[in-house]
Amino acid sequence: MGEEFAAYGLPPKFVYFVGSLKVLCAVALIAGLWFSLLVVPASAIILGLMVGAVFMHLRVRDPLIKSVPALFMLVLSLGLLIFSIQ
């Protein structure tokens, strides 16, 4: 993962920041089963991270196959966010 971030021109400490946010949001989504107030902010943060990930893949002209996981998570996060707001 560090090599990918370096290819995108991001500082090494950013790997830990993004990784920590992902883990924190994953835990918040699990906790959202009991505390529904956590679902909207956690899914919104993941959505933002995935928009950034897709943008970075496009920026460095990665093959489409490398963008598929980020696109998949973006769609899932968006669906969860829309479902949670209604």
N, C-alpha and C. Protein backbone atom coordinates (compact mmCIF):
# COMPACT_ATOMS: atom_id res chain seq x y z
N MET A 1 0.83 -1.19 0.00
CA MET A 1 0.00 0.00 0.00
C MET A 1 0.87 1.25 0.00
N GLY A 2 1.99 1.19 0.70
CA GLY A 2 2.89 2.33 0.73
C GLY A 2 3.44 2.69 -0.63
N GLU A 3 3.71 1.64 -1.45
CA GLU A 3 4.23 1.89 -2.79
C GLU A 3 3.19 2.59 -3.66
N GLU A 4 1.92 2.19 -3.48
CA GLU A 4 0.84 2.84 -4.24
C GLU A 4 0.75 4.32 -3.88
N PHE A 5 0.79 4.62 -2.60
CA PHE A 5 0.69 6.01 -2.16
C PHE A 5 1.87 6.82 -2.68
N ALA A 6 3.06 6.21 -2.72
CA ALA A 6 4.23 6.90 -3.27
C ALA A 6 4.03 7.18 -4.76
N ALA A 7 3.45 6.21 -5.47
CA ALA A 7 3.19 6.40 -6.91
C ALA A 7 2.20 7.53 -7.15
N TYR A 8 1.29 7.73 -6.19
CA TYR A 8 0.31 8.80 -6.31
C TYR A 8 0.86 10.15 -5.86
N GLY A 9 2.08 10.14 -5.33
CA GLY A 9 2.70 11.38 -4.89
C GLY A 9 2.25 11.81 -3.50
N LEU A 10 1.78 10.86 -2.71
CA LEU A 10 1.31 11.18 -1.36
C LEU A 10 2.40 10.86 -0.34
N PRO A 11 2.48 11.61 0.74
CA PRO A 11 3.51 11.36 1.76
C PRO A 11 3.28 10.03 2.48
N PRO A 12 4.35 9.41 2.97
CA PRO A 12 4.24 8.11 3.65
C PRO A 12 3.30 8.11 4.86
N LYS A 13 3.25 9.20 5.60
CA LYS A 13 2.38 9.25 6.77
C LYS A 13 0.89 9.19 6.40
N PHE A 14 0.59 9.54 5.17
CA PHE A 14 -0.79 9.52 4.69
C PHE A 14 -1.34 8.10 4.66
N VAL A 15 -0.46 7.11 4.46
CA VAL A 15 -0.88 5.71 4.47
C VAL A 15 -1.51 5.37 5.81
N TYR A 16 -0.85 5.79 6.89
CA TYR A 16 -1.35 5.49 8.24
C TYR A 16 -2.64 6.25 8.54
N PHE A 17 -2.73 7.47 8.05
CA PHE A 17 -3.94 8.27 8.26
C PHE A 17 -5.14 7.63 7.56
N VAL A 18 -4.97 7.29 6.30
CA VAL A 18 -6.07 6.68 5.53
C VAL A 18 -6.41 5.31 6.10
N GLY A 19 -5.40 4.52 6.42
CA GLY A 19 -5.64 3.20 7.00
C GLY A 19 -6.38 3.28 8.32
N SER A 20 -6.00 4.23 9.15
CA SER A 20 -6.68 4.41 10.44
C SER A 20 -8.13 4.83 10.25
N LEU A 21 -8.36 5.73 9.30
CA LEU A 21 -9.73 6.15 9.02
C LEU A 21 -10.59 4.98 8.54
N LYS A 22 -10.02 4.14 7.69
CA LYS A 22 -10.77 2.98 7.19
C LYS A 22 -11.14 2.03 8.32
N VAL A 23 -10.18 1.74 9.19
CA VAL A 23 -10.44 0.83 10.31
C VAL A 23 -11.45 1.45 11.27
N LEU A 24 -11.30 2.72 11.58
CA LEU A 24 -12.23 3.40 12.47
C LEU A 24 -13.65 3.39 11.90
N CYS A 25 -13.77 3.64 10.62
CA CYS A 25 -15.10 3.64 9.99
C CYS A 25 -15.69 2.23 9.94
N ALA A 26 -14.85 1.23 9.71
CA ALA A 26 -15.34 -0.15 9.72
C ALA A 26 -15.89 -0.52 11.09
N VAL A 27 -15.16 -0.15 12.14
CA VAL A 27 -15.62 -0.41 13.50
C VAL A 27 -16.91 0.37 13.78
N ALA A 28 -16.97 1.60 13.31
CA ALA A 28 -18.18 2.41 13.52
C ALA A 28 -19.38 1.81 12.79
N LEU A 29 -19.16 1.24 11.60
CA LEU A 29 -20.27 0.61 10.88
C LEU A 29 -20.76 -0.64 11.62
N ILE A 30 -19.85 -1.40 12.18
CA ILE A 30 -20.25 -2.56 12.98
C ILE A 30 -21.00 -2.10 14.22
N ALA A 31 -20.48 -1.08 14.89
CA ALA A 31 -21.16 -0.54 16.06
C ALA A 31 -22.50 0.08 15.68
N GLY A 32 -22.63 0.47 14.43
CA GLY A 32 -23.88 1.04 13.93
C GLY A 32 -25.05 0.07 13.99
N LEU A 33 -24.75 -1.21 14.13
CA LEU A 33 -25.82 -2.18 14.33
C LEU A 33 -26.57 -1.91 15.63
N TRP A 34 -25.87 -1.34 16.61
CA TRP A 34 -26.48 -1.01 17.90
C TRP A 34 -26.69 0.49 18.08
N PHE A 35 -25.83 1.29 17.48
CA PHE A 35 -25.90 2.75 17.60
C PHE A 35 -26.03 3.34 16.20
N SER A 36 -27.24 3.50 15.73
CA SER A 36 -27.48 3.88 14.34
C SER A 36 -26.93 5.26 13.97
N LEU A 37 -26.67 6.10 14.95
CA LEU A 37 -26.13 7.42 14.66
C LEU A 37 -24.72 7.36 14.04
N LEU A 38 -24.04 6.24 14.19
CA LEU A 38 -22.68 6.12 13.67
C LEU A 38 -22.63 5.78 12.17
N VAL A 39 -23.72 5.28 11.63
CA VAL A 39 -23.71 4.77 10.26
C VAL A 39 -23.52 5.89 9.23
N VAL A 40 -24.24 6.97 9.37
CA VAL A 40 -24.16 8.05 8.38
C VAL A 40 -22.77 8.68 8.32
N PRO A 41 -22.18 9.08 9.45
CA PRO A 41 -20.83 9.67 9.33
C PRO A 41 -19.78 8.67 8.83
N ALA A 42 -19.88 7.42 9.29
CA ALA A 42 -18.88 6.43 8.86
C ALA A 42 -19.00 6.16 7.36
N SER A 43 -20.22 5.99 6.87
CA SER A 43 -20.38 5.73 5.44
C SER A 43 -20.01 6.96 4.60
N ALA A 44 -20.25 8.15 5.13
CA ALA A 44 -19.87 9.37 4.41
C ALA A 44 -18.35 9.50 4.32
N ILE A 45 -17.65 9.14 5.39
CA ILE A 45 -16.18 9.21 5.36
C ILE A 45 -15.63 8.19 4.38
N ILE A 46 -16.17 6.97 4.40
CA ILE A 46 -15.72 5.95 3.45
C ILE A 46 -16.01 6.39 2.02
N LEU A 47 -17.18 6.97 1.81
CA LEU A 47 -17.52 7.49 0.49
C LEU A 47 -16.49 8.52 0.03
N GLY A 48 -16.13 9.45 0.90
CA GLY A 48 -15.13 10.45 0.57
C GLY A 48 -13.77 9.84 0.27
N LEU A 49 -13.38 8.84 1.06
CA LEU A 49 -12.11 8.16 0.81
C LEU A 49 -12.11 7.46 -0.54
N MET A 50 -13.22 6.86 -0.88
CA MET A 50 -13.30 6.13 -2.15
C MET A 50 -13.35 7.07 -3.35
N VAL A 51 -14.00 8.21 -3.20
CA VAL A 51 -13.96 9.22 -4.27
C VAL A 51 -12.50 9.65 -4.49
N GLY A 52 -11.80 9.88 -3.40
CA GLY A 52 -10.38 10.23 -3.50
C GLY A 52 -9.56 9.13 -4.14
N ALA A 53 -9.86 7.88 -3.77
CA ALA A 53 -9.12 6.74 -4.34
C ALA A 53 -9.35 6.63 -5.85
N VAL A 54 -10.59 6.76 -6.27
CA VAL A 54 -10.90 6.68 -7.70
C VAL A 54 -10.21 7.84 -8.44
N PHE A 55 -10.26 9.02 -7.85
CA PHE A 55 -9.60 10.18 -8.46
C PHE A 55 -8.10 9.92 -8.63
N MET A 56 -7.47 9.36 -7.61
CA MET A 56 -6.03 9.10 -7.69
C MET A 56 -5.72 8.04 -8.75
N HIS A 57 -6.56 7.02 -8.83
CA HIS A 57 -6.35 6.00 -9.87
C HIS A 57 -6.45 6.62 -11.26
N LEU A 58 -7.41 7.51 -11.44
CA LEU A 58 -7.55 8.19 -12.73
C LEU A 58 -6.37 9.11 -13.01
N ARG A 59 -5.91 9.78 -11.96
CA ARG A 59 -4.83 10.74 -12.10
C ARG A 59 -3.53 10.08 -12.59
N VAL A 60 -3.24 8.89 -12.06
CA VAL A 60 -2.00 8.21 -12.47
C VAL A 60 -2.24 7.24 -13.63
N ARG A 61 -3.47 7.24 -14.15
CA ARG A 61 -3.85 6.42 -15.30
C ARG A 61 -3.64 4.93 -15.07
N ASP A 62 -4.06 4.48 -13.88
CA ASP A 62 -4.03 3.06 -13.59
C ASP A 62 -5.01 2.33 -14.50
N PRO A 63 -4.77 1.06 -14.75
CA PRO A 63 -5.77 0.29 -15.51
C PRO A 63 -7.07 0.20 -14.72
N LEU A 64 -8.17 0.06 -15.43
CA LEU A 64 -9.48 0.04 -14.81
C LEU A 64 -9.59 -1.02 -13.71
N ILE A 65 -8.96 -2.16 -13.90
CA ILE A 65 -9.06 -3.26 -12.95
C ILE A 65 -8.55 -2.85 -11.56
N LYS A 66 -7.60 -1.92 -11.50
CA LYS A 66 -7.09 -1.46 -10.21
C LYS A 66 -8.08 -0.52 -9.52
N SER A 67 -9.00 0.06 -10.26
CA SER A 67 -9.98 0.97 -9.70
C SER A 67 -11.26 0.27 -9.25
N VAL A 68 -11.45 -0.97 -9.67
CA VAL A 68 -12.70 -1.67 -9.39
C VAL A 68 -13.00 -1.79 -7.90
N PRO A 69 -12.04 -2.17 -7.02
CA PRO A 69 -12.37 -2.25 -5.60
C PRO A 69 -12.84 -0.90 -5.02
N ALA A 70 -12.17 0.17 -5.39
CA ALA A 70 -12.57 1.49 -4.90
C ALA A 70 -13.94 1.88 -5.43
N LEU A 71 -14.20 1.58 -6.71
CA LEU A 71 -15.52 1.87 -7.28
C LEU A 71 -16.62 1.06 -6.59
N PHE A 72 -16.34 -0.19 -6.31
CA PHE A 72 -17.29 -1.06 -5.62
C PHE A 72 -17.61 -0.52 -4.23
N MET A 73 -16.57 -0.16 -3.48
CA MET A 73 -16.77 0.39 -2.14
C MET A 73 -17.48 1.74 -2.21
N LEU A 74 -17.21 2.52 -3.23
CA LEU A 74 -17.89 3.81 -3.41
C LEU A 74 -19.39 3.58 -3.58
N VAL A 75 -19.76 2.64 -4.43
CA VAL A 75 -21.18 2.35 -4.66
C VAL A 75 -21.84 1.82 -3.39
N LEU A 76 -21.16 0.90 -2.70
CA LEU A 76 -21.71 0.36 -1.45
C LEU A 76 -21.89 1.46 -0.39
N SER A 77 -20.90 2.31 -0.26
CA SER A 77 -20.96 3.40 0.72
C SER A 77 -22.09 4.37 0.39
N LEU A 78 -22.22 4.68 -0.89
CA LEU A 78 -23.29 5.58 -1.32
C LEU A 78 -24.65 4.96 -1.03
N GLY A 79 -24.81 3.68 -1.34
CA GLY A 79 -26.07 3.00 -1.06
C GLY A 79 -26.38 2.98 0.42
N LEU A 80 -25.38 2.69 1.23
CA LEU A 80 -25.57 2.66 2.69
C LEU A 80 -25.94 4.05 3.21
N LEU A 81 -25.28 5.06 2.68
CA LEU A 81 -25.56 6.42 3.10
C LEU A 81 -27.00 6.82 2.73
N ILE A 82 -27.40 6.54 1.51
CA ILE A 82 -28.76 6.87 1.08
C ILE A 82 -29.78 6.09 1.88
N PHE A 83 -29.54 4.81 2.08
CA PHE A 83 -30.46 3.96 2.86
C PHE A 83 -30.57 4.43 4.30
N SER A 84 -29.45 4.88 4.88
CA SER A 84 -29.45 5.30 6.28
C SER A 84 -30.12 6.65 6.50
N ILE A 85 -30.08 7.50 5.51
CA ILE A 85 -30.68 8.83 5.64
C ILE A 85 -32.20 8.75 5.56
N GLN A 86 -32.73 7.82 4.77
CA GLN A 86 -34.18 7.72 4.58
C GLN A 86 -34.87 7.19 5.78
